């Protein structure tokens, strides 16, 4: 089979080796800043991989000492809800449609769209990693309906998922491992090597067996996700409409713990 050339994205660096494709999320060679371009490119990356018949294992990781902690709300201001809805449906469905094992290496705090990591089949985390949803209700008064409501319900159970999404509470790596959605806590300097080690072990299997195993292990979640995503996006859109559209918050959270950057994109990331 012919191997497709690696695309050139601003926020997704692609490395391919021995049947393994690594997607490293980044902004200007540092931790990913979630913005409209990253939203589009990550959607494209997942669908590109889902259509690649040569890949045996996918590795997802961040850059630097954080997975993603900052969102540039202003970058979405000129984007219609229809476009966001269209991409939103396809982004996580694209990740689900990758029909080979996905390994995630969470290199630090994942406060914005942590579901991109925890939806992986194997999740590794650095000791200082933490998981929270600071992109929606708790920080931005936005309905968490773009798939996070389904993912965290599946991982934490309905009661704890509600607390997690309504309060913006964080879960540290050690606790995440005890809860079962992180599988290994690995020293930060060893994390990339351990992720590649696991990916190489998986890639030693035949491609058809990898695909069929992934299909068998994903049946229940895929059904649950398909039922919840469109309705969740619909009520998220209703929430935006009730507030007058997608807009940056009037001010950043006073305690500095929130992950929202209302400043212009050229401001230093924080």
C-alpha atoms as a PDB file:
ATOM      1  CA  UNK A   1       0.000   0.000   0.000  1.00  0.00           C
ATOM      2  CA  UNK A   2       1.151   3.522  -0.787  1.00  0.00           C
ATOM      3  CA  UNK A   3       1.995   5.685   2.229  1.00  0.00           C
ATOM      4  CA  UNK A   4       0.359   9.123   2.026  1.00  0.00           C
ATOM      5  CA  UNK A   5       2.694  12.102   2.579  1.00  0.00           C
ATOM      6  CA  UNK A   6       2.545  13.794   5.965  1.00  0.00           C
ATOM      7  CA  UNK A   7       0.387  16.937   5.904  1.00  0.00           C
ATOM      8  CA  UNK A   8       1.838  20.252   7.046  1.00  0.00           C
ATOM      9  CA  UNK A   9      -0.251  21.703   9.879  1.00  0.00           C
ATOM     10  CA  UNK A  10       0.492  24.617  12.188  1.00  0.00           C
ATOM     11  CA  UNK A  11      -0.794  22.975  15.371  1.00  0.00           C
ATOM     12  CA  UNK A  12      -0.216  19.278  14.640  1.00  0.00           C
ATOM     13  CA  UNK A  13       3.305  17.958  14.045  1.00  0.00           C
ATOM     14  CA  UNK A  14       3.333  14.526  12.374  1.00  0.00           C
ATOM     15  CA  UNK A  15       6.029  11.879  12.830  1.00  0.00           C
ATOM     16  CA  UNK A  16       5.788   8.509  11.085  1.00  0.00           C
ATOM     17  CA  UNK A  17       7.974   5.495  11.882  1.00  0.00           C
ATOM     18  CA  UNK A  18       7.517   1.754  11.372  1.00  0.00           C
ATOM     19  CA  UNK A  19       3.747   1.866  11.044  1.00  0.00           C
ATOM     20  CA  UNK A  20       3.311   4.295  13.955  1.00  0.00           C
ATOM     21  CA  UNK A  21       2.077   7.844  13.440  1.00  0.00           C
ATOM     22  CA  UNK A  22       2.594  10.409  16.195  1.00  0.00           C
ATOM     23  CA  UNK A  23       0.428  13.527  16.361  1.00  0.00           C
ATOM     24  CA  UNK A  24       2.096  16.117  18.562  1.00  0.00           C
ATOM     25  CA  UNK A  25      -0.189  19.041  19.395  1.00  0.00           C
ATOM     26  CA  UNK A  26       1.626  22.364  19.652  1.00  0.00           C
ATOM     27  CA  UNK A  27       1.464  26.113  19.094  1.00  0.00           C
ATOM     28  CA  UNK A  28       4.686  27.792  18.032  1.00  0.00           C
ATOM     29  CA  UNK A  29       6.716  24.842  19.387  1.00  0.00           C
ATOM     30  CA  UNK A  30       5.112  25.177  22.832  1.00  0.00           C
ATOM     31  CA  UNK A  31       1.970  23.794  24.480  1.00  0.00           C
ATOM     32  CA  UNK A  32      -1.160  23.814  22.368  1.00  0.00           C
ATOM     33  CA  UNK A  33      -3.295  26.958  22.557  1.00  0.00           C
ATOM     34  CA  UNK A  34      -6.842  25.978  21.644  1.00  0.00           C
ATOM     35  CA  UNK A  35      -8.109  28.260  18.895  1.00  0.00           C
ATOM     36  CA  UNK A  36     -10.177  28.087  15.724  1.00  0.00           C
ATOM     37  CA  UNK A  37      -7.208  26.944  13.620  1.00  0.00           C
ATOM     38  CA  UNK A  38      -6.312  24.164  16.063  1.00  0.00           C
ATOM     39  CA  UNK A  39      -9.969  23.073  16.134  1.00  0.00           C
ATOM     40  CA  UNK A  40      -9.940  22.725  12.341  1.00  0.00           C
ATOM     41  CA  UNK A  41      -6.490  21.128  12.031  1.00  0.00           C
ATOM     42  CA  UNK A  42      -7.038  18.489  14.719  1.00  0.00           C
ATOM     43  CA  UNK A  43     -10.321  17.567  13.045  1.00  0.00           C
ATOM     44  CA  UNK A  44      -8.476  17.204   9.733  1.00  0.00           C
ATOM     45  CA  UNK A  45      -5.691  15.171  11.357  1.00  0.00           C
ATOM     46  CA  UNK A  46      -8.054  12.605  12.862  1.00  0.00           C
ATOM     47  CA  UNK A  47      -9.898  12.126   9.580  1.00  0.00           C
ATOM     48  CA  UNK A  48      -6.627  11.917   7.654  1.00  0.00           C
ATOM     49  CA  UNK A  49      -5.500   9.094   9.942  1.00  0.00           C
ATOM     50  CA  UNK A  50      -8.883   7.377   9.869  1.00  0.00           C
ATOM     51  CA  UNK A  51      -8.510   7.132   6.079  1.00  0.00           C
ATOM     52  CA  UNK A  52      -4.860   5.979   6.154  1.00  0.00           C
ATOM     53  CA  UNK A  53      -4.764   2.230   5.559  1.00  0.00           C
ATOM     54  CA  UNK A  54      -1.048   1.845   6.416  1.00  0.00           C
ATOM     55  CA  UNK A  55      -0.997   3.072  10.027  1.00  0.00           C
ATOM     56  CA  UNK A  56      -0.891   0.389  12.730  1.00  0.00           C
ATOM     57  CA  UNK A  57      -0.797   2.538  15.886  1.00  0.00           C
ATOM     58  CA  UNK A  58      -1.437   6.218  16.595  1.00  0.00           C
ATOM     59  CA  UNK A  59       0.375   8.167  19.318  1.00  0.00           C
ATOM     60  CA  UNK A  60      -1.052  11.470  20.590  1.00  0.00           C
ATOM     61  CA  UNK A  61       0.895  13.822  22.851  1.00  0.00           C
ATOM     62  CA  UNK A  62       1.393  17.446  23.754  1.00  0.00           C
ATOM     63  CA  UNK A  63       4.432  19.714  23.680  1.00  0.00           C
ATOM     64  CA  UNK A  64       6.482  21.109  26.540  1.00  0.00           C
ATOM     65  CA  UNK A  65       5.195  20.863  30.104  1.00  0.00           C
ATOM     66  CA  UNK A  66       1.449  21.083  29.372  1.00  0.00           C
ATOM     67  CA  UNK A  67      -1.013  19.252  27.130  1.00  0.00           C
ATOM     68  CA  UNK A  68      -3.409  22.198  26.715  1.00  0.00           C
ATOM     69  CA  UNK A  69      -4.313  24.844  29.287  1.00  0.00           C
ATOM     70  CA  UNK A  70      -5.273  27.924  27.263  1.00  0.00           C
ATOM     71  CA  UNK A  71      -8.122  28.795  24.930  1.00  0.00           C
ATOM     72  CA  UNK A  72      -8.183  31.811  22.627  1.00  0.00           C
ATOM     73  CA  UNK A  73     -11.900  32.594  22.643  1.00  0.00           C
ATOM     74  CA  UNK A  74     -11.584  35.570  20.298  1.00  0.00           C
ATOM     75  CA  UNK A  75     -10.362  33.348  17.477  1.00  0.00           C
ATOM     76  CA  UNK A  76     -13.862  31.832  17.307  1.00  0.00           C
ATOM     77  CA  UNK A  77     -15.682  35.170  17.268  1.00  0.00           C
ATOM     78  CA  UNK A  78     -16.033  35.357  13.484  1.00  0.00           C
ATOM     79  CA  UNK A  79     -16.856  31.646  13.122  1.00  0.00           C
ATOM     80  CA  UNK A  80     -20.501  30.752  12.606  1.00  0.00           C
ATOM     81  CA  UNK A  81     -22.105  28.237  14.925  1.00  0.00           C
ATOM     82  CA  UNK A  82     -22.928  26.099  11.890  1.00  0.00           C
ATOM     83  CA  UNK A  83     -19.224  25.779  11.094  1.00  0.00           C
ATOM     84  CA  UNK A  84     -18.313  24.964  14.687  1.00  0.00           C
ATOM     85  CA  UNK A  85     -21.155  22.418  14.854  1.00  0.00           C
ATOM     86  CA  UNK A  86     -19.949  20.825  11.599  1.00  0.00           C
ATOM     87  CA  UNK A  87     -16.357  20.544  12.832  1.00  0.00           C
ATOM     88  CA  UNK A  88     -17.404  19.583  16.354  1.00  0.00           C
ATOM     89  CA  UNK A  89     -19.327  16.550  15.140  1.00  0.00           C
ATOM     90  CA  UNK A  90     -16.418  15.440  12.990  1.00  0.00           C
ATOM     91  CA  UNK A  91     -13.514  16.040  15.372  1.00  0.00           C
ATOM     92  CA  UNK A  92     -14.286  13.429  18.021  1.00  0.00           C
ATOM     93  CA  UNK A  93     -16.001  11.138  15.517  1.00  0.00           C
ATOM     94  CA  UNK A  94     -12.760  11.271  13.543  1.00  0.00           C
ATOM     95  CA  UNK A  95     -10.836  10.170  16.631  1.00  0.00           C
ATOM     96  CA  UNK A  96     -13.324   7.357  17.227  1.00  0.00           C
ATOM     97  CA  UNK A  97     -13.055   6.318  13.564  1.00  0.00           C
ATOM     98  CA  UNK A  98      -9.317   5.660  13.853  1.00  0.00           C
ATOM     99  CA  UNK A  99      -9.618   1.889  13.670  1.00  0.00           C
ATOM    100  CA  UNK A 100      -6.228   1.018  15.198  1.00  0.00           C
ATOM    101  CA  UNK A 101      -5.022   1.448  18.797  1.00  0.00           C
ATOM    102  CA  UNK A 102      -4.391   5.003  20.012  1.00  0.00           C
ATOM    103  CA  UNK A 103      -1.835   5.713  22.758  1.00  0.00           C
ATOM    104  CA  UNK A 104      -1.889   9.095  24.518  1.00  0.00           C
ATOM    105  CA  UNK A 105       1.016  10.623  26.424  1.00  0.00           C
ATOM    106  CA  UNK A 106      -0.312  13.446  28.604  1.00  0.00           C
ATOM    107  CA  UNK A 107       2.777  15.526  29.256  1.00  0.00           C
ATOM    108  CA  UNK A 108       1.195  17.968  31.705  1.00  0.00           C
ATOM    109  CA  UNK A 109      -2.060  19.698  32.641  1.00  0.00           C
ATOM    110  CA  UNK A 110      -4.932  18.978  30.248  1.00  0.00           C
ATOM    111  CA  UNK A 111      -7.505  21.598  31.179  1.00  0.00           C
ATOM    112  CA  UNK A 112      -8.863  22.324  27.707  1.00  0.00           C
ATOM    113  CA  UNK A 113     -10.386  19.453  25.729  1.00  0.00           C
ATOM    114  CA  UNK A 114      -8.698  16.763  27.800  1.00  0.00           C
ATOM    115  CA  UNK A 115     -11.042  14.300  26.081  1.00  0.00           C
ATOM    116  CA  UNK A 116      -8.628  14.284  23.124  1.00  0.00           C
ATOM    117  CA  UNK A 117      -6.207  12.402  25.378  1.00  0.00           C
ATOM    118  CA  UNK A 118      -8.479  10.315  27.591  1.00  0.00           C
ATOM    119  CA  UNK A 119     -10.386   8.884  24.619  1.00  0.00           C
ATOM    120  CA  UNK A 120      -7.216   6.997  23.680  1.00  0.00           C
ATOM    121  CA  UNK A 121      -7.097   3.245  24.213  1.00  0.00           C
ATOM    122  CA  UNK A 122      -4.012   3.537  26.431  1.00  0.00           C
ATOM    123  CA  UNK A 123      -3.386   6.718  28.431  1.00  0.00           C
ATOM    124  CA  UNK A 124      -0.044   7.561  30.019  1.00  0.00           C
ATOM    125  CA  UNK A 125       0.490  10.695  32.100  1.00  0.00           C
ATOM    126  CA  UNK A 126       3.335  12.606  33.672  1.00  0.00           C
ATOM    127  CA  UNK A 127       3.104  12.944  37.475  1.00  0.00           C
ATOM    128  CA  UNK A 128       2.257  16.657  37.229  1.00  0.00           C
ATOM    129  CA  UNK A 129      -0.559  16.099  34.731  1.00  0.00           C
ATOM    130  CA  UNK A 130      -4.069  17.018  35.782  1.00  0.00           C
ATOM    131  CA  UNK A 131      -7.405  16.789  34.025  1.00  0.00           C
ATOM    132  CA  UNK A 132     -10.282  19.274  34.085  1.00  0.00           C
ATOM    133  CA  UNK A 133     -12.870  20.892  31.835  1.00  0.00           C
ATOM    134  CA  UNK A 134     -12.088  24.618  31.829  1.00  0.00           C
ATOM    135  CA  UNK A 135     -13.426  25.178  28.308  1.00  0.00           C
ATOM    136  CA  UNK A 136     -17.129  25.081  29.125  1.00  0.00           C
ATOM    137  CA  UNK A 137     -19.581  25.623  31.990  1.00  0.00           C
ATOM    138  CA  UNK A 138     -17.367  26.239  35.018  1.00  0.00           C
ATOM    139  CA  UNK A 139     -15.158  28.865  33.383  1.00  0.00           C
ATOM    140  CA  UNK A 140     -17.015  30.197  30.346  1.00  0.00           C
ATOM    141  CA  UNK A 141     -20.726  29.707  31.122  1.00  0.00           C
ATOM    142  CA  UNK A 142     -20.896  27.423  28.076  1.00  0.00           C
ATOM    143  CA  UNK A 143     -22.893  24.190  27.821  1.00  0.00           C
ATOM    144  CA  UNK A 144     -20.491  21.182  27.867  1.00  0.00           C
ATOM    145  CA  UNK A 145     -22.249  19.436  24.994  1.00  0.00           C
ATOM    146  CA  UNK A 146     -19.563  18.940  22.353  1.00  0.00           C
ATOM    147  CA  UNK A 147     -18.805  15.374  23.400  1.00  0.00           C
ATOM    148  CA  UNK A 148     -17.217  15.994  26.800  1.00  0.00           C
ATOM    149  CA  UNK A 149     -20.549  15.151  28.455  1.00  0.00           C
ATOM    150  CA  UNK A 150     -20.459  11.681  26.883  1.00  0.00           C
ATOM    151  CA  UNK A 151     -16.747  11.006  27.417  1.00  0.00           C
ATOM    152  CA  UNK A 152     -16.605  11.929  31.097  1.00  0.00           C
ATOM    153  CA  UNK A 153     -19.895  10.171  31.821  1.00  0.00           C
ATOM    154  CA  UNK A 154     -18.341   6.989  30.431  1.00  0.00           C
ATOM    155  CA  UNK A 155     -15.064   7.420  32.345  1.00  0.00           C
ATOM    156  CA  UNK A 156     -16.288   8.727  35.713  1.00  0.00           C
ATOM    157  CA  UNK A 157     -19.903   7.596  35.902  1.00  0.00           C
ATOM    158  CA  UNK A 158     -22.863   9.970  35.670  1.00  0.00           C
ATOM    159  CA  UNK A 159     -22.751  11.414  39.178  1.00  0.00           C
ATOM    160  CA  UNK A 160     -19.060  12.250  39.329  1.00  0.00           C
ATOM    161  CA  UNK A 161     -19.096  13.444  35.702  1.00  0.00           C
ATOM    162  CA  UNK A 162     -21.764  16.017  36.603  1.00  0.00           C
ATOM    163  CA  UNK A 163     -19.670  17.285  39.523  1.00  0.00           C
ATOM    164  CA  UNK A 164     -16.554  17.380  37.328  1.00  0.00           C
ATOM    165  CA  UNK A 165     -18.221  19.347  34.514  1.00  0.00           C
ATOM    166  CA  UNK A 166     -20.273  21.682  36.712  1.00  0.00           C
ATOM    167  CA  UNK A 167     -17.447  22.719  39.048  1.00  0.00           C
ATOM    168  CA  UNK A 168     -14.333  22.589  36.836  1.00  0.00           C
ATOM    169  CA  UNK A 169     -12.694  20.372  39.461  1.00  0.00           C
ATOM    170  CA  UNK A 170      -9.341  18.896  38.498  1.00  0.00           C
ATOM    171  CA  UNK A 171      -8.173  15.311  38.828  1.00  0.00           C
ATOM    172  CA  UNK A 172      -4.453  14.761  39.290  1.00  0.00           C
ATOM    173  CA  UNK A 173      -2.560  11.997  37.510  1.00  0.00           C
ATOM    174  CA  UNK A 174      -2.333   9.656  40.505  1.00  0.00           C
ATOM    175  CA  UNK A 175      -6.059   9.919  41.193  1.00  0.00           C
ATOM    176  CA  UNK A 176      -6.813   9.510  37.490  1.00  0.00           C
ATOM    177  CA  UNK A 177      -4.860   6.267  37.557  1.00  0.00           C
ATOM    178  CA  UNK A 178      -6.828   5.033  40.578  1.00  0.00           C
ATOM    179  CA  UNK A 179     -10.065   5.917  38.754  1.00  0.00           C
ATOM    180  CA  UNK A 180      -8.922   3.946  35.742  1.00  0.00           C
ATOM    181  CA  UNK A 181      -8.752   6.482  32.922  1.00  0.00           C
ATOM    182  CA  UNK A 182      -4.982   6.874  33.207  1.00  0.00           C
ATOM    183  CA  UNK A 183      -3.166   3.560  32.961  1.00  0.00           C
ATOM    184  CA  UNK A 184       0.434   4.459  33.783  1.00  0.00           C
ATOM    185  CA  UNK A 185       2.009   7.458  35.506  1.00  0.00           C
ATOM    186  CA  UNK A 186       5.470   7.887  34.026  1.00  0.00           C
ATOM    187  CA  UNK A 187       8.232  10.392  34.893  1.00  0.00           C
ATOM    188  CA  UNK A 188       8.004  13.308  32.479  1.00  0.00           C
ATOM    189  CA  UNK A 189      11.458  12.705  31.004  1.00  0.00           C
ATOM    190  CA  UNK A 190      10.553   9.072  30.268  1.00  0.00           C
ATOM    191  CA  UNK A 191       7.043   9.670  28.983  1.00  0.00           C
ATOM    192  CA  UNK A 192       7.704   9.958  25.211  1.00  0.00           C
ATOM    193  CA  UNK A 193       9.990   6.902  25.227  1.00  0.00           C
ATOM    194  CA  UNK A 194       7.456   4.820  27.163  1.00  0.00           C
ATOM    195  CA  UNK A 195       4.677   5.850  24.779  1.00  0.00           C
ATOM    196  CA  UNK A 196       6.747   4.833  21.761  1.00  0.00           C
ATOM    197  CA  UNK A 197       7.725   1.587  23.497  1.00  0.00           C
ATOM    198  CA  UNK A 198       4.077   0.642  23.954  1.00  0.00           C
ATOM    199  CA  UNK A 199       3.233   1.737  20.417  1.00  0.00           C
ATOM    200  CA  UNK A 200       6.024  -0.441  19.018  1.00  0.00           C
ATOM    201  CA  UNK A 201       4.804  -3.443  21.025  1.00  0.00           C
ATOM    202  CA  UNK A 202       1.342  -3.018  19.547  1.00  0.00           C
ATOM    203  CA  UNK A 203       2.658  -2.391  16.040  1.00  0.00           C
ATOM    204  CA  UNK A 204       4.380  -5.782  16.094  1.00  0.00           C
ATOM    205  CA  UNK A 205       0.907  -7.327  15.621  1.00  0.00           C
ATOM    206  CA  UNK A 206      -0.718  -7.784  12.242  1.00  0.00           C
ATOM    207  CA  UNK A 207      -2.711  -4.828  10.954  1.00  0.00           C
ATOM    208  CA  UNK A 208      -5.994  -6.754  10.471  1.00  0.00           C
ATOM    209  CA  UNK A 209      -5.868  -8.105  14.045  1.00  0.00           C
ATOM    210  CA  UNK A 210      -5.203  -4.606  15.380  1.00  0.00           C
ATOM    211  CA  UNK A 211      -8.189  -3.247  13.460  1.00  0.00           C
ATOM    212  CA  UNK A 212     -10.585  -5.989  14.457  1.00  0.00           C
ATOM    213  CA  UNK A 213      -9.506  -5.850  18.097  1.00  0.00           C
ATOM    214  CA  UNK A 214     -10.048  -2.090  18.181  1.00  0.00           C
ATOM    215  CA  UNK A 215     -13.502  -2.598  16.629  1.00  0.00           C
ATOM    216  CA  UNK A 216     -14.454  -5.224  19.213  1.00  0.00           C
ATOM    217  CA  UNK A 217     -13.308  -3.105  22.156  1.00  0.00           C
ATOM    218  CA  UNK A 218     -15.071   0.043  20.905  1.00  0.00           C
ATOM    219  CA  UNK A 219     -18.590  -1.215  20.159  1.00  0.00           C
ATOM    220  CA  UNK A 220     -20.259   0.008  23.354  1.00  0.00           C
ATOM    221  CA  UNK A 221     -18.631   3.435  23.526  1.00  0.00           C
ATOM    222  CA  UNK A 222     -19.200   4.160  19.837  1.00  0.00           C
ATOM    223  CA  UNK A 223     -22.905   3.462  20.238  1.00  0.00           C
ATOM    224  CA  UNK A 224     -23.148   5.602  23.381  1.00  0.00           C
ATOM    225  CA  UNK A 225     -21.201   8.451  21.780  1.00  0.00           C
ATOM    226  CA  UNK A 226     -23.261   8.456  18.582  1.00  0.00           C
ATOM    227  CA  UNK A 227     -26.464   8.770  20.609  1.00  0.00           C
ATOM    228  CA  UNK A 228     -25.228  11.688  22.719  1.00  0.00           C
ATOM    229  CA  UNK A 229     -23.107  13.935  20.497  1.00  0.00           C
ATOM    230  CA  UNK A 230     -25.644  15.572  18.177  1.00  0.00           C
ATOM    231  CA  UNK A 231     -28.108  16.347  20.984  1.00  0.00           C
ATOM    232  CA  UNK A 232     -25.273  17.708  23.139  1.00  0.00           C
ATOM    233  CA  UNK A 233     -24.080  20.015  20.363  1.00  0.00           C
ATOM    234  CA  UNK A 234     -27.665  21.177  19.804  1.00  0.00           C
ATOM    235  CA  UNK A 235     -28.124  22.274  23.420  1.00  0.00           C
ATOM    236  CA  UNK A 236     -24.636  23.803  23.450  1.00  0.00           C
ATOM    237  CA  UNK A 237     -25.697  25.894  20.453  1.00  0.00           C
ATOM    238  CA  UNK A 238     -28.880  26.886  22.301  1.00  0.00           C
ATOM    239  CA  UNK A 239     -26.722  28.068  25.182  1.00  0.00           C
ATOM    240  CA  UNK A 240     -24.585  30.212  22.868  1.00  0.00           C
ATOM    241  CA  UNK A 241     -27.727  31.635  21.243  1.00  0.00           C
ATOM    242  CA  UNK A 242     -29.256  32.544  24.596  1.00  0.00           C
ATOM    243  CA  UNK A 243     -26.142  34.551  25.466  1.00  0.00           C
ATOM    244  CA  UNK A 244     -26.028  36.345  22.142  1.00  0.00           C
ATOM    245  CA  UNK A 245     -23.523  34.173  20.326  1.00  0.00           C
ATOM    246  CA  UNK A 246     -19.975  32.968  20.778  1.00  0.00           C
ATOM    247  CA  UNK A 247     -17.966  35.653  22.478  1.00  0.00           C
ATOM    248  CA  UNK A 248     -14.969  36.065  24.796  1.00  0.00           C
ATOM    249  CA  UNK A 249     -15.647  36.517  28.508  1.00  0.00           C
ATOM    250  CA  UNK A 250     -15.681  40.042  29.901  1.00  0.00           C
ATOM    251  CA  UNK A 251     -12.648  39.272  32.028  1.00  0.00           C
ATOM    252  CA  UNK A 252     -10.365  36.386  32.888  1.00  0.00           C
ATOM    253  CA  UNK A 253     -11.033  34.439  36.110  1.00  0.00           C
ATOM    254  CA  UNK A 254      -9.814  36.389  39.135  1.00  0.00           C
ATOM    255  CA  UNK A 255      -7.869  33.484  40.623  1.00  0.00           C
ATOM    256  CA  UNK A 256      -5.845  32.916  37.464  1.00  0.00           C
ATOM    257  CA  UNK A 257      -6.633  29.207  37.569  1.00  0.00           C
ATOM    258  CA  UNK A 258      -8.983  29.290  34.606  1.00  0.00           C
ATOM    259  CA  UNK A 259      -7.705  28.391  31.223  1.00  0.00           C
ATOM    260  CA  UNK A 260      -9.418  31.158  29.264  1.00  0.00           C
ATOM    261  CA  UNK A 261      -7.313  33.723  27.469  1.00  0.00           C
ATOM    262  CA  UNK A 262      -9.541  36.601  26.394  1.00  0.00           C
ATOM    263  CA  UNK A 263      -6.548  38.532  25.099  1.00  0.00           C
ATOM    264  CA  UNK A 264      -5.599  38.843  21.473  1.00  0.00           C
ATOM    265  CA  UNK A 265      -3.820  35.823  19.948  1.00  0.00           C
ATOM    266  CA  UNK A 266      -0.469  37.641  19.863  1.00  0.00           C
ATOM    267  CA  UNK A 267      -0.395  37.958  23.650  1.00  0.00           C
ATOM    268  CA  UNK A 268       2.050  35.686  25.416  1.00  0.00           C
ATOM    269  CA  UNK A 269       0.395  32.307  26.178  1.00  0.00           C
ATOM    270  CA  UNK A 270      -0.142  31.543  29.839  1.00  0.00           C
END
